[in-house]
Amino acid sequence: MIWSYLIHLGYNMWLDREAPELGITGLAAQPYLRFDESLWNELLPEMVKAGVNMVVIDLGEGVQYASHPEIAVDGSWSVERLQAELEKLRGMGIEPIPKLNFSTTHDAWLGPYSRMVSTPAYYDVCRDLIGEVIEIFDRPRLFHLGMDEETAEHQRHQSYAVMRQFDLWWHDLLFLVKEVEKKGARAWIWSDYLWHHPDEFFERMPRSVLQSNWYYGDDFNPELGYVKAYLDLEKHGFDQVPTGSNWSCDSNFGGTVEFAKKNTPRERLAGFLQTVWRPTLEEYRQKHLDAIDQLARAREAFPE
């Protein structure tokens, strides 16, 4: 059973500009890395105590990729440094899994390539990065591709907005999945595309792709579309890693685990993912610690 925690090395995944109208600071892409190593080193033993056995690392601009060093920002880790941290994780009993979010709503980390979506140059870069990251992680069994929230509504605050629709979205998703699978890993995505395109999703989504539907509220009424998606994924035979967060309330992760325990058979319940959606910075230290504690308490109440 996977008990995983999503953490960000790179955080250039929200906006290409400051958006004071949102009332939230720190979302715009920056030319420097937002990551406190001291907090990282504090959180890891807390994760071990909580029973976390997998860390999903959102890499983004946080690595000096050999294939595309132009993506790096000031402070990005060398490949060697990242590999040393991955070995440290494995030595602590934590499986490291890579994440690169290729949704056009969250791809500011791609730098100039975020404005070349669905071009030959874009496909080359995606192929190069997926292949290199799989090698860096020593052929991980999973690779999270993101692919959430690619809608005009989610990009309304961006100065440059682009979204794929219809066959193009599917073409690019399946291209990314193929690149992951041909390297021996399993593709993993956010499942929210199905909220608005259920028939198309269940007709065209490969069953091989691991699904993470996400919902961050405290009302698990199965009539809610976000919650119903868990039931629909089960009905159609998809493997799932339900995802919770303390983004909006502190009861969500426990509620997510309880709902899945009652509604998803073990053979298709691969595990759970806890998310914070804050950078790995000291100012969010307590938010991270709270999220890890919520995972620990949910795991204690879950019969393995």
Protein backbone atom coordinates (compact mmCIF):
# COMPACT_ATOMS: atom_id res chain seq x y z
CA MET A 1 0.00 0.00 0.00
CA ILE A 2 1.43 3.36 -1.06
CA TRP A 3 1.43 6.13 1.56
CA SER A 4 2.91 8.99 -0.38
CA TYR A 5 3.71 12.64 0.10
CA LEU A 6 4.05 15.16 -2.73
CA ILE A 7 6.81 17.69 -2.27
CA HIS A 8 8.11 20.39 -4.59
CA LEU A 9 11.70 20.91 -5.58
CA GLY A 10 10.73 23.33 -8.35
CA TYR A 11 7.65 25.51 -7.88
CA ASN A 12 7.29 27.31 -11.22
CA MET A 13 3.94 25.75 -11.98
CA TRP A 14 1.31 28.41 -11.39
CA LEU A 15 1.52 31.77 -13.15
CA ASP A 16 3.82 33.63 -15.52
CA ARG A 17 3.01 36.90 -13.72
CA GLU A 18 2.11 38.22 -10.30
CA ALA A 19 -1.66 38.27 -9.86
CA PRO A 20 -2.52 40.51 -6.90
CA GLU A 21 -6.20 40.11 -7.75
CA LEU A 22 -5.96 36.55 -6.40
CA GLY A 23 -4.98 37.75 -2.95
CA ILE A 24 -2.28 35.06 -2.80
CA THR A 25 1.41 35.86 -3.11
CA GLY A 26 4.22 33.62 -4.28
CA LEU A 27 2.45 31.92 -7.19
CA ALA A 28 4.36 33.55 -10.03
CA ALA A 29 7.29 31.75 -11.66
CA GLN A 30 10.66 33.00 -10.45
CA PRO A 31 14.22 32.87 -11.85
CA TYR A 32 15.49 31.24 -8.65
CA LEU A 33 14.78 28.03 -6.78
CA ARG A 34 12.29 28.20 -3.91
CA PHE A 35 13.41 25.31 -1.72
CA ASP A 36 14.85 25.23 1.80
CA GLU A 37 17.13 22.26 2.29
CA SER A 38 16.91 22.64 6.07
CA LEU A 39 13.14 22.07 5.94
CA TRP A 40 13.57 19.14 3.55
CA ASN A 41 15.95 17.51 6.01
CA GLU A 42 13.57 18.15 8.90
CA LEU A 43 10.55 16.72 7.07
CA LEU A 44 12.14 13.46 5.93
CA PRO A 45 12.47 11.83 9.38
CA GLU A 46 8.97 13.05 10.22
CA MET A 47 7.72 11.27 7.11
CA VAL A 48 9.46 8.07 8.19
CA LYS A 49 7.83 8.25 11.62
CA ALA A 50 4.46 8.86 9.97
CA GLY A 51 4.77 5.77 7.79
CA VAL A 52 5.37 7.55 4.48
CA ASN A 53 6.91 5.02 2.12
CA MET A 54 6.93 7.10 -1.08
CA VAL A 55 7.85 10.71 -1.86
CA VAL A 56 6.67 12.15 -5.17
CA ILE A 57 9.12 14.91 -6.10
CA ASP A 58 7.80 17.63 -8.40
CA LEU A 59 11.06 18.49 -10.15
CA GLY A 60 10.14 21.28 -12.55
CA GLU A 61 12.91 23.83 -12.94
CA GLY A 62 14.71 22.46 -9.89
CA VAL A 63 17.25 20.36 -11.81
CA GLN A 64 20.14 21.24 -14.12
CA TYR A 65 19.07 18.72 -16.76
CA ALA A 66 21.92 17.55 -18.96
CA SER A 67 19.58 17.43 -21.94
CA HIS A 68 18.15 20.92 -21.37
CA PRO A 69 20.23 23.00 -18.94
CA GLU A 70 18.42 26.12 -20.17
CA ILE A 71 15.42 25.15 -18.03
CA ALA A 72 17.36 25.53 -14.78
CA VAL A 73 17.11 28.61 -12.56
CA ASP A 74 19.47 30.05 -9.99
CA GLY A 75 19.95 27.39 -7.32
CA SER A 76 18.71 24.40 -9.34
CA TRP A 77 20.27 21.15 -8.20
CA SER A 78 22.88 19.34 -10.22
CA VAL A 79 21.98 15.85 -11.37
CA GLU A 80 24.60 14.47 -8.99
CA ARG A 81 23.09 16.29 -6.04
CA LEU A 82 19.62 15.01 -6.87
CA GLN A 83 20.91 11.46 -7.18
CA ALA A 84 22.56 11.73 -3.77
CA GLU A 85 19.25 12.83 -2.23
CA LEU A 86 17.44 9.96 -3.93
CA GLU A 87 19.90 7.52 -2.40
CA LYS A 88 19.35 9.13 0.98
CA LEU A 89 15.60 8.62 0.60
CA ARG A 90 16.02 4.98 -0.33
CA GLY A 91 18.27 4.48 2.68
CA MET A 92 15.45 5.80 4.87
CA GLY A 93 12.97 3.32 3.39
CA ILE A 94 11.26 5.89 1.15
CA GLU A 95 10.73 5.24 -2.55
CA PRO A 96 11.35 8.37 -4.65
CA ILE A 97 9.06 8.94 -7.64
CA PRO A 98 9.49 11.76 -10.20
CA LYS A 99 6.82 14.22 -11.26
CA LEU A 100 6.88 16.64 -14.19
CA ASN A 101 3.59 18.40 -14.79
CA PHE A 102 2.98 18.83 -18.52
CA SER A 103 -0.40 20.54 -18.13
CA THR A 104 -0.29 23.88 -19.95
CA THR A 105 -1.75 25.48 -16.81
CA HIS A 106 1.21 24.32 -14.74
CA ASP A 107 4.20 24.25 -17.12
CA ALA A 108 5.88 27.59 -16.45
CA TRP A 109 8.85 25.47 -15.35
CA LEU A 110 9.45 24.59 -19.01
CA GLY A 111 10.59 28.14 -19.68
CA PRO A 112 10.52 28.97 -23.41
CA TYR A 113 9.10 25.55 -24.25
CA SER A 114 5.87 26.35 -22.41
CA ARG A 115 5.14 28.60 -25.40
CA MET A 116 5.92 25.90 -27.95
CA VAL A 117 3.26 23.39 -26.90
CA SER A 118 2.45 20.63 -29.41
CA THR A 119 5.26 21.60 -31.78
CA PRO A 120 8.09 19.28 -32.90
CA ALA A 121 10.48 21.14 -30.57
CA TYR A 122 8.09 20.62 -27.65
CA TYR A 123 7.80 16.90 -28.25
CA ASP A 124 11.59 16.59 -28.44
CA VAL A 125 12.01 18.38 -25.11
CA CYS A 126 9.33 16.29 -23.40
CA ARG A 127 10.91 13.09 -24.71
CA ASP A 128 14.37 14.18 -23.60
CA LEU A 129 13.27 15.17 -20.10
CA ILE A 130 11.21 12.05 -19.45
CA GLY A 131 14.06 9.83 -20.61
CA GLU A 132 16.67 11.69 -18.57
CA VAL A 133 14.59 11.79 -15.40
CA ILE A 134 13.89 8.07 -15.60
CA GLU A 135 17.62 7.46 -15.80
CA ILE A 136 18.32 9.84 -12.91
CA PHE A 137 15.77 8.01 -10.76
CA ASP A 138 17.27 4.64 -11.77
CA ARG A 139 14.18 3.48 -13.63
CA PRO A 140 11.37 4.20 -11.14
CA ARG A 141 8.23 2.10 -11.31
CA LEU A 142 6.00 5.21 -11.55
CA PHE A 143 6.22 8.62 -13.25
CA HIS A 144 3.68 11.35 -12.47
CA LEU A 145 2.82 13.47 -15.53
CA GLY A 146 0.38 15.88 -13.88
CA MET A 147 -2.00 16.98 -16.68
CA ASP A 148 -4.54 18.68 -14.41
CA GLU A 149 -6.63 21.84 -14.78
CA GLU A 150 -5.88 22.49 -18.44
CA THR A 151 -8.82 24.82 -19.00
CA ALA A 152 -9.35 28.44 -20.01
CA GLU A 153 -10.88 29.13 -16.60
CA HIS A 154 -7.75 27.99 -14.79
CA GLN A 155 -5.58 30.22 -17.01
CA ARG A 156 -7.66 33.38 -16.75
CA HIS A 157 -4.97 35.13 -14.67
CA GLN A 158 -2.07 34.23 -16.94
CA SER A 159 -0.63 36.71 -19.42
CA TYR A 160 -0.03 33.86 -21.88
CA ALA A 161 -2.77 31.24 -21.96
CA VAL A 162 -2.88 28.11 -24.08
CA MET A 163 -4.88 24.93 -23.72
CA ARG A 164 -5.23 21.74 -25.72
CA GLN A 165 -8.66 20.36 -26.48
CA PHE A 166 -10.32 17.43 -28.21
CA ASP A 167 -7.96 15.09 -30.09
CA LEU A 168 -4.91 17.27 -29.46
CA TRP A 169 -5.15 16.85 -25.67
CA TRP A 170 -5.43 13.11 -26.11
CA HIS A 171 -2.62 12.99 -28.66
CA ASP A 172 -0.24 14.76 -26.30
CA LEU A 173 -1.28 12.79 -23.22
CA LEU A 174 -0.82 9.48 -25.04
CA PHE A 175 2.53 10.67 -26.39
CA LEU A 176 3.73 11.36 -22.84
CA VAL A 177 2.36 8.05 -21.57
CA LYS A 178 4.15 6.19 -24.35
CA GLU A 179 7.45 7.89 -23.55
CA VAL A 180 7.12 6.84 -19.90
CA GLU A 181 6.07 3.28 -20.70
CA LYS A 182 8.76 2.60 -23.26
CA LYS A 183 11.31 3.32 -20.52
CA GLY A 184 9.69 0.73 -18.25
CA ALA A 185 7.77 3.01 -15.86
CA ARG A 186 4.04 3.36 -15.30
CA ALA A 187 2.39 6.69 -16.11
CA TRP A 188 0.46 8.38 -13.33
CA ILE A 189 -1.82 11.40 -13.79
CA TRP A 190 -4.34 13.65 -12.07
CA SER A 191 -7.83 12.50 -13.06
CA ASP A 192 -9.81 15.75 -13.17
CA TYR A 193 -10.22 15.63 -16.97
CA LEU A 194 -12.98 13.11 -16.32
CA TRP A 195 -15.02 15.64 -14.30
CA HIS A 196 -16.05 17.41 -17.49
CA HIS A 197 -15.49 14.70 -20.11
CA PRO A 198 -16.54 11.41 -18.45
CA ASP A 199 -17.64 9.50 -21.56
CA GLU A 200 -14.56 10.45 -23.52
CA PHE A 201 -12.29 9.77 -20.56
CA PHE A 202 -13.54 6.24 -20.01
CA GLU A 203 -13.50 5.48 -23.72
CA ARG A 204 -9.97 6.70 -24.42
CA MET A 205 -7.94 6.55 -21.20
CA PRO A 206 -5.64 3.50 -21.11
CA ARG A 207 -6.27 1.27 -18.09
CA SER A 208 -2.51 1.12 -17.63
CA VAL A 209 -2.42 4.75 -16.46
CA LEU A 210 -2.54 5.10 -12.67
CA GLN A 211 -5.23 7.57 -11.61
CA SER A 212 -5.20 10.18 -8.87
CA ASN A 213 -8.54 11.85 -8.53
CA TRP A 214 -8.26 14.68 -6.02
CA TYR A 215 -10.67 16.42 -3.70
CA TYR A 216 -9.78 18.75 -0.82
CA GLY A 217 -13.09 19.41 0.95
CA ASP A 218 -14.73 17.81 3.98
CA ASP A 219 -18.08 16.73 2.47
CA PHE A 220 -17.80 13.25 0.98
CA ASN A 221 -21.32 13.12 -0.39
CA PRO A 222 -21.04 10.73 -3.36
CA GLU A 223 -23.34 13.00 -5.35
CA LEU A 224 -20.60 15.64 -5.48
CA GLY A 225 -18.86 15.40 -8.83
CA TYR A 226 -15.36 15.52 -7.35
CA VAL A 227 -16.22 12.67 -4.98
CA LYS A 228 -18.29 10.69 -7.48
CA ALA A 229 -15.19 10.49 -9.69
CA TYR A 230 -13.65 8.02 -7.21
CA LEU A 231 -16.68 5.78 -7.65
CA ASP A 232 -16.67 6.13 -11.43
CA LEU A 233 -12.98 5.22 -11.66
CA GLU A 234 -13.69 2.09 -9.62
CA LYS A 235 -16.72 1.23 -11.74
CA HIS A 236 -14.54 1.33 -14.86
CA GLY A 237 -11.72 -0.73 -13.36
CA PHE A 238 -8.94 1.83 -12.94
CA ASP A 239 -6.20 1.53 -10.33
CA GLN A 240 -6.29 4.55 -8.03
CA VAL A 241 -4.20 6.60 -5.64
CA PRO A 242 -6.83 8.92 -4.07
CA THR A 243 -5.36 12.31 -3.24
CA GLY A 244 -6.12 14.55 -0.29
CA SER A 245 -4.70 17.78 1.05
CA ASN A 246 -4.77 20.26 3.90
CA TRP A 247 -5.13 23.03 1.31
CA SER A 248 -8.58 24.03 2.57
CA CYS A 249 -9.26 21.96 5.71
CA ASP A 250 -7.48 19.62 8.09
CA SER A 251 -9.99 16.78 7.94
CA ASN A 252 -9.71 16.05 4.24
CA PHE A 253 -6.97 13.42 4.14
CA GLY A 254 -8.56 11.33 6.87
CA GLY A 255 -11.89 11.64 5.09
CA THR A 256 -10.33 10.62 1.79
CA VAL A 257 -8.86 7.47 3.34
CA GLU A 258 -12.16 6.56 5.03
CA PHE A 259 -14.12 7.05 1.82
CA ALA A 260 -11.72 4.90 -0.18
CA LYS A 261 -11.70 2.21 2.51
CA LYS A 262 -15.46 1.86 2.11
CA ASN A 263 -15.73 2.23 -1.65
CA THR A 264 -12.58 0.97 -3.41
CA PRO A 265 -11.54 -2.69 -3.39
CA ARG A 266 -7.98 -3.30 -2.27
CA GLU A 267 -6.99 -4.83 -5.60
CA ARG A 268 -7.48 -1.45 -7.30
CA LEU A 269 -6.54 0.80 -4.38
CA ALA A 270 -2.82 1.30 -4.91
CA GLY A 271 -2.49 3.73 -2.01
CA PHE A 272 -2.89 7.38 -1.07
CA LEU A 273 -1.20 10.69 -1.79
CA GLN A 274 -1.10 13.65 0.61
CA THR A 275 -0.47 17.11 -0.83
CA VAL A 276 0.14 20.57 0.59
CA TRP A 277 0.44 22.76 -2.53
CA ARG A 278 2.95 25.01 -0.85
CA PRO A 279 6.63 25.36 -1.70
CA THR A 280 9.21 23.65 0.48
CA LEU A 281 10.03 26.82 2.39
CA GLU A 282 10.40 27.51 6.11
CA GLU A 283 7.38 29.82 6.16
CA TYR A 284 5.22 26.78 5.34
CA ARG A 285 6.92 24.48 7.83
CA GLN A 286 3.86 23.98 10.04
CA LYS A 287 1.62 23.34 7.04
CA HIS A 288 3.90 20.50 5.98
CA LEU A 289 4.18 19.08 9.48
CA ASP A 290 0.40 19.17 9.87
CA ALA A 291 -0.07 17.34 6.58
CA ILE A 292 2.39 14.63 7.58
CA ASP A 293 0.64 14.23 10.94
CA GLN A 294 -2.71 13.89 9.17
CA LEU A 295 -1.27 11.12 7.03
CA ALA A 296 0.11 9.35 10.09
CA ARG A 297 -3.26 9.38 11.85
CA ALA A 298 -5.10 8.18 8.75
CA ARG A 299 -2.63 5.34 8.26
CA GLU A 300 -2.98 4.21 11.87
CA ALA A 301 -6.74 3.87 11.32
CA PHE A 302 -6.37 1.93 8.07
CA PRO A 303 -6.13 -1.86 8.33
CA GLU A 304 -3.27 -2.98 6.11
